[in-house]
N, C-alpha and C. Protein backbone atom coordinates (compact mmCIF):
# COMPACT_ATOMS: atom_id res chain seq x y z
N MET A 1 -16.54 -10.94 4.56
CA MET A 1 -16.30 -11.84 5.64
C MET A 1 -17.22 -13.05 5.57
N TYR A 2 -18.44 -12.81 5.09
CA TYR A 2 -19.38 -13.92 4.94
C TYR A 2 -18.83 -14.95 3.95
N LEU A 3 -18.25 -14.47 2.86
CA LEU A 3 -17.69 -15.40 1.87
C LEU A 3 -16.55 -16.23 2.46
N MET A 4 -15.74 -15.61 3.30
CA MET A 4 -14.58 -16.31 3.85
C MET A 4 -14.96 -17.28 4.97
N PHE A 5 -15.78 -16.81 5.91
CA PHE A 5 -16.00 -17.60 7.11
C PHE A 5 -17.22 -18.51 7.05
N GLN A 6 -18.27 -18.11 6.37
CA GLN A 6 -19.46 -18.96 6.30
C GLN A 6 -19.44 -19.87 5.07
N LEU A 7 -19.07 -19.30 3.92
CA LEU A 7 -19.04 -20.09 2.69
C LEU A 7 -17.67 -20.72 2.42
N ARG A 8 -16.68 -20.35 3.24
CA ARG A 8 -15.33 -20.92 3.18
C ARG A 8 -14.69 -20.79 1.80
N ARG A 9 -14.83 -19.62 1.21
CA ARG A 9 -14.20 -19.37 -0.08
C ARG A 9 -12.72 -19.09 0.14
N LEU A 10 -11.87 -19.63 -0.70
CA LEU A 10 -10.43 -19.49 -0.55
C LEU A 10 -9.85 -18.29 -1.28
N ASP A 11 -10.59 -17.72 -2.20
CA ASP A 11 -10.02 -16.64 -3.00
C ASP A 11 -10.80 -15.33 -2.81
N VAL A 12 -10.83 -14.84 -1.58
CA VAL A 12 -11.44 -13.55 -1.28
C VAL A 12 -10.32 -12.64 -0.79
N TRP A 13 -10.23 -11.46 -1.35
CA TRP A 13 -9.16 -10.53 -1.00
C TRP A 13 -9.80 -9.24 -0.51
N PRO A 14 -10.05 -9.11 0.81
CA PRO A 14 -10.76 -7.95 1.36
C PRO A 14 -9.85 -6.72 1.50
N VAL A 15 -9.63 -6.03 0.40
CA VAL A 15 -8.67 -4.92 0.39
C VAL A 15 -9.15 -3.71 1.19
N ASP A 16 -10.44 -3.59 1.44
CA ASP A 16 -10.96 -2.47 2.21
C ASP A 16 -10.84 -2.68 3.71
N ASP A 17 -10.44 -3.86 4.14
CA ASP A 17 -10.31 -4.16 5.55
C ASP A 17 -9.00 -3.58 6.09
N LEU A 18 -9.11 -2.78 7.14
CA LEU A 18 -7.93 -2.13 7.70
C LEU A 18 -6.93 -3.13 8.27
N GLY A 19 -7.43 -4.20 8.87
CA GLY A 19 -6.55 -5.22 9.42
C GLY A 19 -5.71 -5.90 8.35
N VAL A 20 -6.30 -6.16 7.21
CA VAL A 20 -5.56 -6.78 6.10
C VAL A 20 -4.50 -5.81 5.59
N ARG A 21 -4.86 -4.56 5.45
CA ARG A 21 -3.89 -3.58 4.94
C ARG A 21 -2.73 -3.39 5.93
N GLN A 22 -3.05 -3.27 7.22
CA GLN A 22 -1.98 -3.11 8.22
C GLN A 22 -1.11 -4.36 8.31
N GLY A 23 -1.74 -5.51 8.32
CA GLY A 23 -0.99 -6.76 8.41
C GLY A 23 -0.10 -7.00 7.21
N PHE A 24 -0.58 -6.65 6.03
CA PHE A 24 0.24 -6.80 4.83
C PHE A 24 1.44 -5.87 4.91
N GLY A 25 1.22 -4.65 5.38
CA GLY A 25 2.32 -3.72 5.56
C GLY A 25 3.33 -4.21 6.57
N LEU A 26 2.87 -4.79 7.67
CA LEU A 26 3.78 -5.31 8.69
C LEU A 26 4.56 -6.52 8.17
N ALA A 27 3.87 -7.43 7.51
CA ALA A 27 4.51 -8.66 7.06
C ALA A 27 5.54 -8.41 5.96
N TRP A 28 5.28 -7.45 5.10
CA TRP A 28 6.18 -7.19 3.98
C TRP A 28 7.00 -5.91 4.16
N GLY A 29 6.92 -5.31 5.32
CA GLY A 29 7.74 -4.14 5.62
C GLY A 29 7.41 -2.92 4.78
N ILE A 30 6.14 -2.71 4.53
CA ILE A 30 5.69 -1.55 3.75
C ILE A 30 5.19 -0.49 4.73
N ASP A 31 5.83 0.67 4.72
CA ASP A 31 5.44 1.75 5.63
C ASP A 31 5.26 3.02 4.83
N PRO A 32 4.13 3.64 4.84
CA PRO A 32 2.88 3.30 5.51
C PRO A 32 2.19 2.11 4.83
N PRO A 33 1.24 1.48 5.52
CA PRO A 33 0.53 0.35 4.92
C PRO A 33 -0.12 0.74 3.61
N PRO A 34 -0.22 -0.21 2.68
CA PRO A 34 -0.80 0.12 1.38
C PRO A 34 -2.28 0.48 1.48
N SER A 35 -2.71 1.33 0.56
CA SER A 35 -4.13 1.67 0.49
C SER A 35 -4.87 0.51 -0.18
N ALA A 36 -6.19 0.58 -0.16
CA ALA A 36 -6.98 -0.47 -0.78
C ALA A 36 -6.67 -0.59 -2.27
N LYS A 37 -6.51 0.54 -2.93
CA LYS A 37 -6.21 0.53 -4.36
C LYS A 37 -4.83 -0.07 -4.65
N GLN A 38 -3.87 0.19 -3.77
CA GLN A 38 -2.53 -0.37 -3.95
C GLN A 38 -2.48 -1.86 -3.63
N LEU A 39 -3.37 -2.31 -2.74
CA LEU A 39 -3.35 -3.70 -2.30
C LEU A 39 -3.95 -4.66 -3.32
N VAL A 40 -4.79 -4.17 -4.20
CA VAL A 40 -5.44 -5.05 -5.19
C VAL A 40 -4.41 -5.82 -6.02
N PRO A 41 -3.45 -5.17 -6.68
CA PRO A 41 -2.50 -5.96 -7.48
C PRO A 41 -1.50 -6.75 -6.63
N LEU A 42 -1.27 -6.34 -5.39
CA LEU A 42 -0.32 -7.06 -4.54
C LEU A 42 -0.85 -8.45 -4.16
N GLY A 43 -2.14 -8.64 -4.19
CA GLY A 43 -2.72 -9.93 -3.86
C GLY A 43 -2.80 -10.90 -5.01
N ASP A 44 -2.53 -10.43 -6.22
CA ASP A 44 -2.66 -11.30 -7.39
C ASP A 44 -1.74 -12.51 -7.35
N ARG A 45 -0.56 -12.36 -6.79
CA ARG A 45 0.37 -13.49 -6.79
C ARG A 45 -0.04 -14.60 -5.82
N PHE A 46 -1.03 -14.34 -4.97
CA PHE A 46 -1.48 -15.34 -4.01
C PHE A 46 -2.73 -16.08 -4.46
N ARG A 47 -3.21 -15.81 -5.67
CA ARG A 47 -4.37 -16.53 -6.19
C ARG A 47 -4.06 -18.01 -6.27
N PRO A 48 -4.91 -18.87 -5.98
CA PRO A 48 -6.30 -18.80 -5.55
C PRO A 48 -6.48 -18.90 -4.04
N TYR A 49 -5.47 -18.49 -3.26
CA TYR A 49 -5.54 -18.64 -1.80
C TYR A 49 -5.43 -17.31 -1.08
N ARG A 50 -6.03 -16.27 -1.62
CA ARG A 50 -5.92 -14.94 -1.00
C ARG A 50 -6.62 -14.86 0.35
N SER A 51 -7.63 -15.67 0.59
CA SER A 51 -8.29 -15.68 1.91
C SER A 51 -7.32 -16.14 2.99
N VAL A 52 -6.48 -17.08 2.66
CA VAL A 52 -5.49 -17.58 3.61
C VAL A 52 -4.49 -16.46 3.94
N VAL A 53 -4.06 -15.72 2.93
CA VAL A 53 -3.13 -14.61 3.15
C VAL A 53 -3.79 -13.53 3.99
N ALA A 54 -5.07 -13.28 3.76
CA ALA A 54 -5.79 -12.29 4.57
C ALA A 54 -5.82 -12.71 6.03
N ARG A 55 -6.02 -13.99 6.30
CA ARG A 55 -6.02 -14.48 7.68
C ARG A 55 -4.65 -14.28 8.32
N TYR A 56 -3.57 -14.52 7.55
CA TYR A 56 -2.22 -14.29 8.06
C TYR A 56 -1.97 -12.81 8.33
N CYS A 57 -2.53 -11.96 7.50
CA CYS A 57 -2.38 -10.51 7.71
C CYS A 57 -3.05 -10.09 9.00
N TRP A 58 -4.26 -10.58 9.27
CA TRP A 58 -4.93 -10.28 10.53
C TRP A 58 -4.12 -10.78 11.71
N GLU A 59 -3.55 -11.96 11.57
CA GLU A 59 -2.76 -12.52 12.66
C GLU A 59 -1.49 -11.72 12.90
N ALA A 60 -0.91 -11.19 11.84
CA ALA A 60 0.29 -10.35 11.99
C ALA A 60 -0.01 -9.13 12.84
N VAL A 61 -1.15 -8.52 12.62
CA VAL A 61 -1.54 -7.36 13.43
C VAL A 61 -1.73 -7.77 14.88
N ALA A 62 -2.37 -8.89 15.11
CA ALA A 62 -2.58 -9.36 16.49
C ALA A 62 -1.25 -9.65 17.18
N LEU A 63 -0.32 -10.24 16.48
CA LEU A 63 0.98 -10.54 17.06
C LEU A 63 1.75 -9.27 17.40
N PHE A 64 1.69 -8.29 16.52
CA PHE A 64 2.39 -7.04 16.79
C PHE A 64 1.73 -6.26 17.91
N ARG A 65 0.41 -6.34 18.04
CA ARG A 65 -0.27 -5.67 19.16
C ARG A 65 0.12 -6.28 20.48
N ALA A 66 0.26 -7.58 20.51
CA ALA A 66 0.62 -8.26 21.75
C ALA A 66 2.10 -8.13 22.06
N GLY A 67 2.89 -7.80 21.04
CA GLY A 67 4.33 -7.71 21.21
C GLY A 67 4.79 -6.32 21.53
N SER A 68 5.74 -5.84 20.79
CA SER A 68 6.44 -4.60 21.14
C SER A 68 6.08 -3.40 20.29
N GLU A 69 5.07 -3.47 19.48
CA GLU A 69 4.73 -2.36 18.59
C GLU A 69 3.69 -1.46 19.26
N PRO A 70 4.09 -0.37 19.93
CA PRO A 70 3.14 0.46 20.67
C PRO A 70 2.18 1.23 19.77
N ALA A 71 2.51 1.45 18.52
CA ALA A 71 1.63 2.23 17.64
C ALA A 71 0.37 1.47 17.30
N LEU A 72 0.37 0.14 17.43
CA LEU A 72 -0.80 -0.67 17.06
C LEU A 72 -1.67 -1.06 18.25
N ARG A 73 -1.27 -0.70 19.47
CA ARG A 73 -2.06 -1.08 20.65
C ARG A 73 -3.27 -0.23 20.81
């Protein structure tokens, strides 16, 4: 998180973060959400902007929590 938010690095892929894994699963319709090991190669196509995709994954979780997905509340 320090690399992304303080140093503003664009190519950080935090696969161990639960929010990123859940958000990626929600955005791409993967059920159950991918594990950290499965998420590593899935982020390769977003190089060099994986930090941006991670932010969208976090936002996907927030949107689903505020919406109609009771399992994420």
